[in-house]
Amino acid sequence: MSAFITRLRQNLGTETFGLLILLAVMVTVFSLASPRFLTAANFGSMGYQAPLLGLLTLAMLGPMISGGINLAIIFLANISGLTFAWVMLQFGGAEAGLPAIFMGAVAAMAVGAAAGALEGAVIAFVGAHPILVSLAMMIFLRGLGEFLTKGGDISGFPDVVGALGHGAIFGFPLPLLLFLIVALVWHVLFSRSRHGFATYMVGSNIRAAEYSGLPTKRTLITIYALSGLVCAIAGILMLARFNSVRVGHGEAMLLVTVLAIFLGGIDPFGGKGRVAPVILAILILQILSSGLNLIGANQHLATAVWGLFLIAVMILRSGRLAALIPFRKD
């Protein structure tokens, strides 16, 4: 049994193995605490809720692997959602047809990618820290969004848009399908492409990457452009889920994406991490939220527990815990 566990850990990796153990423990605890946990209705509900957090976390993933961060992900999503809504309103709002919806989606993704590319260009050519650049972009987009909407909501969209957020194919939630497609693309991008290799090199040592001939500036621009593109997809899904769009939608998710990144084993200093453990981390956080909700806990308690999770992960990863616990070497 011990040999099997050791082999399984070697095949899966320490991060993935540990997250699977944590996932199994949480499923066991919540299934015993609530008879409604292991039901199709609960899993279906998670299938509609988790993809939004998942997409925003994937948008944060590239910048974090490169040694940076994108604090503007929520507002990139919202400004992209506003772009999508504006295009549809120009073509009849709730009566807009499929061509208008398609044009709106393309415009939204173009805006998200362009705003992200601007962040990357400033980081690459000016040398400003990603925290400051993304913070400045966040403030700018928030102010711009408030100006354009006068602080209100925009609603009144075609039913087909709502189906993206609430529909299913053969019982499989459409938002979850969208998330899995993006996650698969991200897995291939970071594990099998030149851009993925360059991203890890930039995160490990950007100077060494430059000396080795990698186009570090182009890589940084591409990293943040792709981050903005995924934010745009999240913004479209957010609009479809809520049937409205405003600047403040999803603000609470920013810190949760950072938690998912750390829980998934991404090194905050860059150069290390994989997509699969991050997806497991997103699932764990969603199970935690749904499980606490089913046992009647206040939603704010889930937020508090998420914070404790982040503290615990930082302690475990610091390497200091082992020094505090005595052990014997045989």
C-alpha atoms as a PDB file:
ATOM      1  CA  MET A   1       0.000   0.000   0.000  1.00  0.00           C
ATOM      2  CA  SER A   2       2.823   2.347   0.928  1.00  0.00           C
ATOM      3  CA  ALA A   3       4.616   1.567  -2.324  1.00  0.00           C
ATOM      4  CA  PHE A   4       1.429   2.262  -4.288  1.00  0.00           C
ATOM      5  CA  ILE A   5       0.970   5.650  -2.593  1.00  0.00           C
ATOM      6  CA  THR A   6       4.620   6.523  -3.220  1.00  0.00           C
ATOM      7  CA  ARG A   7       4.313   5.598  -6.893  1.00  0.00           C
ATOM      8  CA  LEU A   8       1.057   7.548  -7.199  1.00  0.00           C
ATOM      9  CA  ARG A   9       2.672  10.612  -5.655  1.00  0.00           C
ATOM     10  CA  GLN A  10       5.625  10.362  -8.032  1.00  0.00           C
ATOM     11  CA  ASN A  11       3.366  10.045 -11.068  1.00  0.00           C
ATOM     12  CA  LEU A  12       0.978  12.838 -10.102  1.00  0.00           C
ATOM     13  CA  GLY A  13       3.465  15.187  -8.467  1.00  0.00           C
ATOM     14  CA  THR A  14       3.513  16.304  -4.839  1.00  0.00           C
ATOM     15  CA  GLU A  15       1.199  19.279  -5.399  1.00  0.00           C
ATOM     16  CA  THR A  16      -1.485  17.330  -7.271  1.00  0.00           C
ATOM     17  CA  PHE A  17      -1.321  14.381  -4.867  1.00  0.00           C
ATOM     18  CA  GLY A  18      -1.717  16.630  -1.820  1.00  0.00           C
ATOM     19  CA  LEU A  19      -4.645  18.471  -3.382  1.00  0.00           C
ATOM     20  CA  LEU A  20      -6.363  15.179  -4.241  1.00  0.00           C
ATOM     21  CA  ILE A  21      -6.040  14.085  -0.612  1.00  0.00           C
ATOM     22  CA  LEU A  22      -7.470  17.409   0.557  1.00  0.00           C
ATOM     23  CA  LEU A  23     -10.282  17.106  -1.990  1.00  0.00           C
ATOM     24  CA  ALA A  24     -11.158  13.596  -0.777  1.00  0.00           C
ATOM     25  CA  VAL A  25     -11.176  14.732   2.851  1.00  0.00           C
ATOM     26  CA  MET A  26     -13.456  17.692   2.115  1.00  0.00           C
ATOM     27  CA  VAL A  27     -15.897  15.592   0.065  1.00  0.00           C
ATOM     28  CA  THR A  28     -16.050  13.027   2.878  1.00  0.00           C
ATOM     29  CA  VAL A  29     -16.612  15.634   5.587  1.00  0.00           C
ATOM     30  CA  PHE A  30     -19.334  17.536   3.743  1.00  0.00           C
ATOM     31  CA  SER A  31     -21.096  14.372   2.557  1.00  0.00           C
ATOM     32  CA  LEU A  32     -21.346  13.266   6.199  1.00  0.00           C
ATOM     33  CA  ALA A  33     -22.402  16.748   7.334  1.00  0.00           C
ATOM     34  CA  SER A  34     -25.169  17.191   4.755  1.00  0.00           C
ATOM     35  CA  PRO A  35     -27.202  14.553   2.871  1.00  0.00           C
ATOM     36  CA  ARG A  36     -27.678  17.068   0.064  1.00  0.00           C
ATOM     37  CA  PHE A  37     -23.975  17.351  -0.738  1.00  0.00           C
ATOM     38  CA  LEU A  38     -23.621  14.211  -2.872  1.00  0.00           C
ATOM     39  CA  THR A  39     -26.578  15.032  -5.093  1.00  0.00           C
ATOM     40  CA  ALA A  40     -26.888  15.880  -8.775  1.00  0.00           C
ATOM     41  CA  ALA A  41     -28.504  19.205  -7.880  1.00  0.00           C
ATOM     42  CA  ASN A  42     -25.517  20.285  -5.779  1.00  0.00           C
ATOM     43  CA  PHE A  43     -22.928  19.212  -8.348  1.00  0.00           C
ATOM     44  CA  GLY A  44     -24.960  20.919 -11.066  1.00  0.00           C
ATOM     45  CA  SER A  45     -25.010  24.118  -9.025  1.00  0.00           C
ATOM     46  CA  MET A  46     -21.221  23.961  -8.598  1.00  0.00           C
ATOM     47  CA  GLY A  47     -20.909  23.375 -12.341  1.00  0.00           C
ATOM     48  CA  TYR A  48     -22.544  26.748 -12.949  1.00  0.00           C
ATOM     49  CA  GLN A  49     -20.759  28.649 -10.161  1.00  0.00           C
ATOM     50  CA  ALA A  50     -17.137  27.467 -10.379  1.00  0.00           C
ATOM     51  CA  PRO A  51     -16.337  28.348 -14.038  1.00  0.00           C
ATOM     52  CA  LEU A  52     -16.390  32.114 -13.452  1.00  0.00           C
ATOM     53  CA  LEU A  53     -13.838  31.861 -10.659  1.00  0.00           C
ATOM     54  CA  GLY A  54     -11.936  29.351 -12.780  1.00  0.00           C
ATOM     55  CA  LEU A  55     -11.647  31.650 -15.788  1.00  0.00           C
ATOM     56  CA  LEU A  56     -10.509  34.588 -13.665  1.00  0.00           C
ATOM     57  CA  THR A  57      -7.923  32.344 -11.991  1.00  0.00           C
ATOM     58  CA  LEU A  58      -6.594  31.206 -15.374  1.00  0.00           C
ATOM     59  CA  ALA A  59      -6.344  34.894 -16.319  1.00  0.00           C
ATOM     60  CA  MET A  60      -4.150  35.396 -13.257  1.00  0.00           C
ATOM     61  CA  LEU A  61      -2.053  32.286 -13.944  1.00  0.00           C
ATOM     62  CA  GLY A  62       0.191  33.532 -16.772  1.00  0.00           C
ATOM     63  CA  PRO A  63       1.232  36.766 -15.059  1.00  0.00           C
ATOM     64  CA  MET A  64       1.976  34.874 -11.828  1.00  0.00           C
ATOM     65  CA  ILE A  65       4.142  32.255 -13.575  1.00  0.00           C
ATOM     66  CA  SER A  66       6.062  35.102 -15.221  1.00  0.00           C
ATOM     67  CA  GLY A  67       6.821  36.579 -11.797  1.00  0.00           C
ATOM     68  CA  GLY A  68       4.176  39.304 -12.022  1.00  0.00           C
ATOM     69  CA  ILE A  69       0.521  39.752 -11.154  1.00  0.00           C
ATOM     70  CA  ASN A  70      -2.574  41.207 -12.787  1.00  0.00           C
ATOM     71  CA  LEU A  71      -4.673  43.031 -10.200  1.00  0.00           C
ATOM     72  CA  ALA A  72      -6.932  44.398 -12.946  1.00  0.00           C
ATOM     73  CA  ILE A  73      -8.546  41.076 -13.926  1.00  0.00           C
ATOM     74  CA  ILE A  74     -11.979  41.905 -12.472  1.00  0.00           C
ATOM     75  CA  PHE A  75     -12.176  45.270 -14.190  1.00  0.00           C
ATOM     76  CA  LEU A  76     -10.795  43.884 -17.441  1.00  0.00           C
ATOM     77  CA  ALA A  77     -13.690  41.415 -17.298  1.00  0.00           C
ATOM     78  CA  ASN A  78     -16.196  44.150 -16.509  1.00  0.00           C
ATOM     79  CA  ILE A  79     -15.058  46.581 -19.204  1.00  0.00           C
ATOM     80  CA  SER A  80     -15.157  43.713 -21.705  1.00  0.00           C
ATOM     81  CA  GLY A  81     -18.663  42.850 -20.532  1.00  0.00           C
ATOM     82  CA  LEU A  82     -19.670  46.487 -20.959  1.00  0.00           C
ATOM     83  CA  THR A  83     -18.301  46.406 -24.505  1.00  0.00           C
ATOM     84  CA  PHE A  84     -20.313  43.269 -25.248  1.00  0.00           C
ATOM     85  CA  ALA A  85     -23.450  44.880 -23.808  1.00  0.00           C
ATOM     86  CA  TRP A  86     -22.934  48.146 -25.717  1.00  0.00           C
ATOM     87  CA  VAL A  87     -22.648  46.364 -29.075  1.00  0.00           C
ATOM     88  CA  MET A  88     -25.824  44.375 -28.423  1.00  0.00           C
ATOM     89  CA  LEU A  89     -27.705  47.506 -27.352  1.00  0.00           C
ATOM     90  CA  GLN A  90     -26.752  49.161 -30.636  1.00  0.00           C
ATOM     91  CA  PHE A  91     -28.462  46.320 -32.498  1.00  0.00           C
ATOM     92  CA  GLY A  92     -31.691  46.082 -30.562  1.00  0.00           C
ATOM     93  CA  GLY A  93     -30.720  44.925 -27.077  1.00  0.00           C
ATOM     94  CA  ALA A  94     -33.015  42.023 -26.193  1.00  0.00           C
ATOM     95  CA  GLU A  95     -33.912  41.713 -29.892  1.00  0.00           C
ATOM     96  CA  ALA A  96     -30.298  41.546 -31.100  1.00  0.00           C
ATOM     97  CA  GLY A  97     -29.589  38.652 -33.454  1.00  0.00           C
ATOM     98  CA  LEU A  98     -26.706  36.186 -33.612  1.00  0.00           C
ATOM     99  CA  PRO A  99     -24.510  38.441 -35.851  1.00  0.00           C
ATOM    100  CA  ALA A 100     -24.735  41.239 -33.268  1.00  0.00           C
ATOM    101  CA  ILE A 101     -23.946  38.813 -30.445  1.00  0.00           C
ATOM    102  CA  PHE A 102     -20.947  37.502 -32.373  1.00  0.00           C
ATOM    103  CA  MET A 103     -19.682  41.034 -33.091  1.00  0.00           C
ATOM    104  CA  GLY A 104     -20.172  41.957 -29.438  1.00  0.00           C
ATOM    105  CA  ALA A 105     -18.182  38.944 -28.272  1.00  0.00           C
ATOM    106  CA  VAL A 106     -15.353  39.710 -30.714  1.00  0.00           C
ATOM    107  CA  ALA A 107     -15.300  43.376 -29.651  1.00  0.00           C
ATOM    108  CA  ALA A 108     -15.263  42.376 -25.975  1.00  0.00           C
ATOM    109  CA  MET A 109     -12.329  40.017 -26.453  1.00  0.00           C
ATOM    110  CA  ALA A 110     -10.475  42.634 -28.509  1.00  0.00           C
ATOM    111  CA  VAL A 111     -10.908  45.223 -25.750  1.00  0.00           C
ATOM    112  CA  GLY A 112      -9.776  42.776 -23.052  1.00  0.00           C
ATOM    113  CA  ALA A 113      -6.731  41.657 -25.027  1.00  0.00           C
ATOM    114  CA  ALA A 114      -5.777  45.239 -25.960  1.00  0.00           C
ATOM    115  CA  ALA A 115      -6.005  46.472 -22.364  1.00  0.00           C
ATOM    116  CA  GLY A 116      -3.950  43.500 -21.198  1.00  0.00           C
ATOM    117  CA  ALA A 117      -1.376  44.085 -23.938  1.00  0.00           C
ATOM    118  CA  LEU A 118      -1.058  47.696 -22.795  1.00  0.00           C
ATOM    119  CA  GLU A 119      -0.238  46.487 -19.297  1.00  0.00           C
ATOM    120  CA  GLY A 120       2.363  44.118 -20.692  1.00  0.00           C
ATOM    121  CA  ALA A 121       3.919  46.814 -22.880  1.00  0.00           C
ATOM    122  CA  VAL A 122       4.343  49.190 -19.939  1.00  0.00           C
ATOM    123  CA  ILE A 123       5.886  46.421 -17.840  1.00  0.00           C
ATOM    124  CA  ALA A 124       8.182  45.329 -20.685  1.00  0.00           C
ATOM    125  CA  PHE A 125       9.373  48.677 -22.030  1.00  0.00           C
ATOM    126  CA  VAL A 126       9.119  50.974 -18.994  1.00  0.00           C
ATOM    127  CA  GLY A 127      10.253  48.396 -16.463  1.00  0.00           C
ATOM    128  CA  ALA A 128       7.517  49.320 -13.992  1.00  0.00           C
ATOM    129  CA  HIS A 129       6.517  46.693 -11.440  1.00  0.00           C
ATOM    130  CA  PRO A 130       3.478  44.601 -12.450  1.00  0.00           C
ATOM    131  CA  ILE A 131       1.717  45.441  -9.179  1.00  0.00           C
ATOM    132  CA  LEU A 132       1.859  49.163  -9.927  1.00  0.00           C
ATOM    133  CA  VAL A 133       0.959  48.786 -13.602  1.00  0.00           C
ATOM    134  CA  SER A 134      -2.006  46.497 -12.989  1.00  0.00           C
ATOM    135  CA  LEU A 135      -3.166  48.648 -10.063  1.00  0.00           C
ATOM    136  CA  ALA A 136      -3.093  51.717 -12.307  1.00  0.00           C
ATOM    137  CA  MET A 137      -5.044  49.808 -14.991  1.00  0.00           C
ATOM    138  CA  MET A 138      -7.558  48.679 -12.379  1.00  0.00           C
ATOM    139  CA  ILE A 139      -8.154  52.260 -11.212  1.00  0.00           C
ATOM    140  CA  PHE A 140      -8.405  53.522 -14.788  1.00  0.00           C
ATOM    141  CA  LEU A 141     -10.890  50.858 -15.894  1.00  0.00           C
ATOM    142  CA  ARG A 142     -12.990  51.281 -12.792  1.00  0.00           C
ATOM    143  CA  GLY A 143     -13.217  55.021 -13.285  1.00  0.00           C
ATOM    144  CA  LEU A 144     -13.915  54.633 -16.999  1.00  0.00           C
ATOM    145  CA  GLY A 145     -16.633  52.086 -16.319  1.00  0.00           C
ATOM    146  CA  GLU A 146     -18.276  54.251 -13.674  1.00  0.00           C
ATOM    147  CA  PHE A 147     -18.203  57.203 -16.088  1.00  0.00           C
ATOM    148  CA  LEU A 148     -19.752  55.235 -18.941  1.00  0.00           C
ATOM    149  CA  THR A 149     -22.488  53.614 -16.851  1.00  0.00           C
ATOM    150  CA  LYS A 150     -22.971  56.444 -14.318  1.00  0.00           C
ATOM    151  CA  GLY A 151     -22.577  53.819 -11.621  1.00  0.00           C
ATOM    152  CA  GLY A 152     -25.581  51.792 -12.739  1.00  0.00           C
ATOM    153  CA  ASP A 153     -26.320  48.423 -14.330  1.00  0.00           C
ATOM    154  CA  ILE A 154     -26.915  47.634 -17.974  1.00  0.00           C
ATOM    155  CA  SER A 155     -29.431  44.885 -18.703  1.00  0.00           C
ATOM    156  CA  GLY A 156     -31.831  43.656 -21.383  1.00  0.00           C
ATOM    157  CA  PHE A 157     -30.078  41.035 -23.505  1.00  0.00           C
ATOM    158  CA  PRO A 158     -31.227  38.251 -25.852  1.00  0.00           C
ATOM    159  CA  ASP A 159     -32.297  34.926 -24.331  1.00  0.00           C
ATOM    160  CA  VAL A 160     -29.512  33.120 -26.157  1.00  0.00           C
ATOM    161  CA  VAL A 161     -26.947  35.081 -24.116  1.00  0.00           C
ATOM    162  CA  GLY A 162     -28.627  33.983 -20.902  1.00  0.00           C
ATOM    163  CA  ALA A 163     -28.441  30.398 -22.135  1.00  0.00           C
ATOM    164  CA  LEU A 164     -24.638  30.659 -22.103  1.00  0.00           C
ATOM    165  CA  GLY A 165     -24.732  31.279 -18.356  1.00  0.00           C
ATOM    166  CA  HIS A 166     -27.585  28.932 -17.440  1.00  0.00           C
ATOM    167  CA  GLY A 167     -27.874  26.420 -20.291  1.00  0.00           C
ATOM    168  CA  ALA A 168     -26.684  22.842 -20.611  1.00  0.00           C
ATOM    169  CA  ILE A 169     -25.804  20.314 -23.307  1.00  0.00           C
ATOM    170  CA  PHE A 170     -27.080  16.830 -22.462  1.00  0.00           C
ATOM    171  CA  GLY A 171     -27.252  17.931 -18.842  1.00  0.00           C
ATOM    172  CA  PHE A 172     -23.673  19.270 -18.840  1.00  0.00           C
ATOM    173  CA  PRO A 173     -23.494  22.959 -17.801  1.00  0.00           C
ATOM    174  CA  LEU A 174     -22.385  25.239 -20.645  1.00  0.00           C
ATOM    175  CA  PRO A 175     -20.257  27.469 -18.361  1.00  0.00           C
ATOM    176  CA  LEU A 176     -18.335  24.402 -17.187  1.00  0.00           C
ATOM    177  CA  LEU A 177     -17.796  23.284 -20.779  1.00  0.00           C
ATOM    178  CA  LEU A 178     -16.461  26.745 -21.655  1.00  0.00           C
ATOM    179  CA  PHE A 179     -14.094  26.675 -18.682  1.00  0.00           C
ATOM    180  CA  LEU A 180     -12.793  23.187 -19.509  1.00  0.00           C
ATOM    181  CA  ILE A 181     -12.052  24.236 -23.098  1.00  0.00           C
ATOM    182  CA  VAL A 182     -10.058  27.274 -21.928  1.00  0.00           C
ATOM    183  CA  ALA A 183      -8.294  25.183 -19.256  1.00  0.00           C
ATOM    184  CA  LEU A 184      -7.270  22.598 -21.863  1.00  0.00           C
ATOM    185  CA  VAL A 185      -5.916  25.333 -24.133  1.00  0.00           C
ATOM    186  CA  TRP A 186      -4.014  26.813 -21.185  1.00  0.00           C
ATOM    187  CA  HIS A 187      -2.567  23.413 -20.285  1.00  0.00           C
ATOM    188  CA  VAL A 188      -1.269  22.928 -23.825  1.00  0.00           C
ATOM    189  CA  LEU A 189      -0.058  26.535 -24.007  1.00  0.00           C
ATOM    190  CA  PHE A 190       2.045  26.334 -20.847  1.00  0.00           C
ATOM    191  CA  SER A 191       3.282  22.763 -21.223  1.00  0.00           C
ATOM    192  CA  ARG A 192       3.860  22.323 -24.960  1.00  0.00           C
ATOM    193  CA  SER A 193       4.402  25.714 -26.608  1.00  0.00           C
ATOM    194  CA  ARG A 194       7.305  28.097 -27.054  1.00  0.00           C
ATOM    195  CA  HIS A 195       5.310  30.819 -25.345  1.00  0.00           C
ATOM    196  CA  GLY A 196       4.849  28.599 -22.298  1.00  0.00           C
ATOM    197  CA  PHE A 197       8.573  27.849 -22.150  1.00  0.00           C
ATOM    198  CA  ALA A 198       9.389  31.555 -22.498  1.00  0.00           C
ATOM    199  CA  THR A 199       6.900  32.415 -19.722  1.00  0.00           C
ATOM    200  CA  TYR A 200       8.595  30.042 -17.283  1.00  0.00           C
ATOM    201  CA  MET A 201      12.027  31.367 -18.269  1.00  0.00           C
ATOM    202  CA  VAL A 202      10.937  34.965 -17.741  1.00  0.00           C
ATOM    203  CA  GLY A 203       9.542  34.022 -14.340  1.00  0.00           C
ATOM    204  CA  SER A 204      12.707  32.153 -13.340  1.00  0.00           C
ATOM    205  CA  ASN A 205      15.198  34.811 -14.405  1.00  0.00           C
ATOM    206  CA  ILE A 206      14.294  37.465 -16.939  1.00  0.00           C
ATOM    207  CA  ARG A 207      17.906  38.599 -17.375  1.00  0.00           C
ATOM    208  CA  ALA A 208      19.070  35.084 -18.152  1.00  0.00           C
ATOM    209  CA  ALA A 209      16.142  34.731 -20.556  1.00  0.00           C
ATOM    210  CA  GLU A 210      17.258  37.896 -22.363  1.00  0.00           C
ATOM    211  CA  TYR A 211      20.865  36.700 -22.598  1.00  0.00           C
ATOM    212  CA  SER A 212      19.686  33.367 -24.012  1.00  0.00           C
ATOM    213  CA  GLY A 213      17.970  35.193 -26.866  1.00  0.00           C
ATOM    214  CA  LEU A 214      14.333  34.852 -25.800  1.00  0.00           C
ATOM    215  CA  PRO A 215      12.062  37.758 -26.839  1.00  0.00           C
ATOM    216  CA  THR A 216      11.223  38.722 -23.267  1.00  0.00           C
ATOM    217  CA  LYS A 217       9.401  41.955 -24.133  1.00  0.00           C
ATOM    218  CA  ARG A 218       7.165  40.246 -26.660  1.00  0.00           C
ATOM    219  CA  THR A 219       6.577  37.430 -24.173  1.00  0.00           C
ATOM    220  CA  LEU A 220       5.444  39.849 -21.454  1.00  0.00           C
ATOM    221  CA  ILE A 221       3.073  41.635 -23.822  1.00  0.00           C
ATOM    222  CA  THR A 222       1.626  38.298 -24.942  1.00  0.00           C
ATOM    223  CA  ILE A 223       1.235  37.077 -21.351  1.00  0.00           C
ATOM    224  CA  TYR A 224      -0.878  40.066 -20.338  1.00  0.00           C
ATOM    225  CA  ALA A 225      -2.773  40.172 -23.640  1.00  0.00           C
ATOM    226  CA  LEU A 226      -3.811  36.544 -23.140  1.00  0.00           C
ATOM    227  CA  SER A 227      -4.725  37.354 -19.545  1.00  0.00           C
ATOM    228  CA  GLY A 228      -6.964  40.147 -20.803  1.00  0.00           C
ATOM    229  CA  LEU A 229      -8.486  37.829 -23.409  1.00  0.00           C
ATOM    230  CA  VAL A 230      -9.510  35.284 -20.753  1.00  0.00           C
ATOM    231  CA  CYS A 231     -10.830  38.139 -18.614  1.00  0.00           C
ATOM    232  CA  ALA A 232     -13.040  39.117 -21.553  1.00  0.00           C
ATOM    233  CA  ILE A 233     -14.417  35.568 -21.766  1.00  0.00           C
ATOM    234  CA  ALA A 234     -15.087  35.720 -18.019  1.00  0.00           C
ATOM    235  CA  GLY A 235     -16.800  39.096 -18.484  1.00  0.00           C
ATOM    236  CA  ILE A 236     -19.111  37.658 -21.157  1.00  0.00           C
ATOM    237  CA  LEU A 237     -19.937  34.711 -18.886  1.00  0.00           C
ATOM    238  CA  MET A 238     -20.526  37.084 -15.960  1.00  0.00           C
ATOM    239  CA  LEU A 239     -22.998  39.083 -18.053  1.00  0.00           C
ATOM    240  CA  ALA A 240     -24.751  35.866 -19.076  1.00  0.00           C
ATOM    241  CA  ARG A 241     -24.916  34.604 -15.489  1.00  0.00           C
ATOM    242  CA  PHE A 242     -26.249  37.815 -13.947  1.00  0.00           C
ATOM    243  CA  ASN A 243     -28.202  39.024 -17.021  1.00  0.00           C
ATOM    244  CA  SER A 244     -26.671  42.434 -16.368  1.00  0.00           C
ATOM    245  CA  VAL A 245     -23.290  44.110 -16.260  1.00  0.00           C
ATOM    246  CA  ARG A 246     -21.797  46.803 -14.074  1.00  0.00           C
ATOM    247  CA  VAL A 247     -18.359  47.874 -12.994  1.00  0.00           C
ATOM    248  CA  GLY A 248     -18.397  46.286  -9.532  1.00  0.00           C
ATOM    249  CA  HIS A 249     -19.478  42.769 -10.483  1.00  0.00           C
ATOM    250  CA  GLY A 250     -17.180  40.112  -9.034  1.00  0.00           C
ATOM    251  CA  GLU A 251     -14.853  42.361  -7.030  1.00  0.00           C
ATOM    252  CA  ALA A 252     -14.697  39.834  -4.174  1.00  0.00           C
ATOM    253  CA  MET A 253     -13.208  37.222  -6.525  1.00  0.00           C
ATOM    254  CA  LEU A 254      -9.842  38.965  -6.943  1.00  0.00           C
ATOM    255  CA  LEU A 255      -8.310  37.699  -3.711  1.00  0.00           C
ATOM    256  CA  VAL A 256      -9.898  34.278  -4.179  1.00  0.00           C
ATOM    257  CA  THR A 257      -8.088  33.897  -7.511  1.00  0.00           C
ATOM    258  CA  VAL A 258      -4.808  34.650  -5.732  1.00  0.00           C
ATOM    259  CA  LEU A 259      -5.705  32.021  -3.115  1.00  0.00           C
ATOM    260  CA  ALA A 260      -6.453  29.462  -5.851  1.00  0.00           C
ATOM    261  CA  ILE A 261      -3.116  30.260  -7.497  1.00  0.00           C
ATOM    262  CA  PHE A 262      -1.143  29.728  -4.279  1.00  0.00           C
ATOM    263  CA  LEU A 263      -3.157  26.661  -3.284  1.00  0.00           C
ATOM    264  CA  GLY A 264      -2.429  25.233  -6.746  1.00  0.00           C
ATOM    265  CA  GLY A 265       1.309  25.430  -6.151  1.00  0.00           C
ATOM    266  CA  ILE A 266       2.226  28.443  -8.280  1.00  0.00           C
ATOM    267  CA  ASP A 267       5.389  30.084  -7.000  1.00  0.00           C
ATOM    268  CA  PRO A 268       4.602  33.755  -6.218  1.00  0.00           C
ATOM    269  CA  PHE A 269       8.093  34.669  -7.425  1.00  0.00           C
ATOM    270  CA  GLY A 270       7.473  33.043 -10.812  1.00  0.00           C
ATOM    271  CA  GLY A 271       8.957  30.255 -12.889  1.00  0.00           C
ATOM    272  CA  LYS A 272       7.069  27.344 -11.332  1.00  0.00           C
ATOM    273  CA  GLY A 273       3.579  25.852 -11.484  1.00  0.00           C
ATOM    274  CA  ARG A 274       1.171  23.837 -13.599  1.00  0.00           C
ATOM    275  CA  VAL A 275      -2.410  24.235 -14.750  1.00  0.00           C
ATOM    276  CA  ALA A 276      -3.820  20.936 -13.406  1.00  0.00           C
ATOM    277  CA  PRO A 277      -3.178  21.618  -9.680  1.00  0.00           C
ATOM    278  CA  VAL A 278      -4.720  25.083 -10.074  1.00  0.00           C
ATOM    279  CA  ILE A 279      -7.892  23.516 -11.492  1.00  0.00           C
ATOM    280  CA  LEU A 280      -7.991  21.176  -8.479  1.00  0.00           C
ATOM    281  CA  ALA A 281      -7.556  24.187  -6.187  1.00  0.00           C
ATOM    282  CA  ILE A 282     -10.530  25.921  -7.846  1.00  0.00           C
ATOM    283  CA  LEU A 283     -12.622  22.784  -7.310  1.00  0.00           C
ATOM    284  CA  ILE A 284     -11.581  22.602  -3.649  1.00  0.00           C
ATOM    285  CA  LEU A 285     -12.552  26.226  -3.021  1.00  0.00           C
ATOM    286  CA  GLN A 286     -15.913  25.711  -4.729  1.00  0.00           C
ATOM    287  CA  ILE A 287     -16.592  22.571  -2.681  1.00  0.00           C
ATOM    288  CA  LEU A 288     -15.696  24.480   0.478  1.00  0.00           C
ATOM    289  CA  SER A 289     -18.100  27.293  -0.410  1.00  0.00           C
ATOM    290  CA  SER A 290     -20.942  24.952  -1.413  1.00  0.00           C
ATOM    291  CA  GLY A 291     -20.410  22.656   1.576  1.00  0.00           C
ATOM    292  CA  LEU A 292     -20.514  25.493   4.082  1.00  0.00           C
ATOM    293  CA  ASN A 293     -23.622  26.841   2.394  1.00  0.00           C
ATOM    294  CA  LEU A 294     -25.370  23.444   2.644  1.00  0.00           C
ATOM    295  CA  ILE A 295     -24.679  23.098   6.358  1.00  0.00           C
ATOM    296  CA  GLY A 296     -26.166  26.551   6.935  1.00  0.00           C
ATOM    297  CA  ALA A 297     -22.972  28.519   7.514  1.00  0.00           C
ATOM    298  CA  ASN A 298     -22.950  32.212   6.702  1.00  0.00           C
ATOM    299  CA  GLN A 299     -21.370  33.039   3.338  1.00  0.00           C
ATOM    300  CA  HIS A 300     -18.978  35.407   5.115  1.00  0.00           C
ATOM    301  CA  LEU A 301     -17.657  32.371   7.014  1.00  0.00           C
ATOM    302  CA  ALA A 302     -16.550  30.852   3.704  1.00  0.00           C
ATOM    303  CA  THR A 303     -14.614  34.037   2.954  1.00  0.00           C
ATOM    304  CA  ALA A 304     -12.973  33.844   6.394  1.00  0.00           C
ATOM    305  CA  VAL A 305     -12.051  30.181   5.851  1.00  0.00           C
ATOM    306  CA  TRP A 306     -10.592  31.062   2.440  1.00  0.00           C
ATOM    307  CA  GLY A 307      -8.354  33.555   4.227  1.00  0.00           C
ATOM    308  CA  LEU A 308      -7.263  30.891   6.724  1.00  0.00           C
ATOM    309  CA  PHE A 309      -6.527  28.601   3.778  1.00  0.00           C
ATOM    310  CA  LEU A 310      -4.195  31.210   2.320  1.00  0.00           C
ATOM    311  CA  ILE A 311      -2.370  31.655   5.647  1.00  0.00           C
ATOM    312  CA  ALA A 312      -2.047  27.881   6.055  1.00  0.00           C
ATOM    313  CA  VAL A 313      -0.681  27.458   2.533  1.00  0.00           C
ATOM    314  CA  MET A 314       1.917  30.162   3.101  1.00  0.00           C
ATOM    315  CA  ILE A 315       3.019  28.518   6.370  1.00  0.00           C
ATOM    316  CA  LEU A 316       3.271  25.064   4.801  1.00  0.00           C
ATOM    317  CA  ARG A 317       5.194  26.379   1.811  1.00  0.00           C
ATOM    318  CA  SER A 318       7.593  28.488   3.881  1.00  0.00           C
ATOM    319  CA  GLY A 319       9.561  25.423   4.973  1.00  0.00           C
ATOM    320  CA  ARG A 320       9.627  26.705   8.553  1.00  0.00           C
ATOM    321  CA  LEU A 321       6.960  24.318   9.815  1.00  0.00           C
ATOM    322  CA  ALA A 322       9.282  21.330   9.488  1.00  0.00           C
ATOM    323  CA  ALA A 323      11.898  23.124  11.598  1.00  0.00           C
ATOM    324  CA  LEU A 324       9.363  23.567  14.397  1.00  0.00           C
ATOM    325  CA  ILE A 325       8.296  19.901  14.449  1.00  0.00           C
ATOM    326  CA  PRO A 326      10.846  17.472  15.895  1.00  0.00           C
ATOM    327  CA  PHE A 327      11.374  14.236  13.999  1.00  0.00           C
ATOM    328  CA  ARG A 328      13.691  11.290  14.160  1.00  0.00           C
ATOM    329  CA  LYS A 329      15.792   9.989  11.310  1.00  0.00           C
ATOM    330  CA  ASP A 330      16.131   6.234  11.261  1.00  0.00           C
END
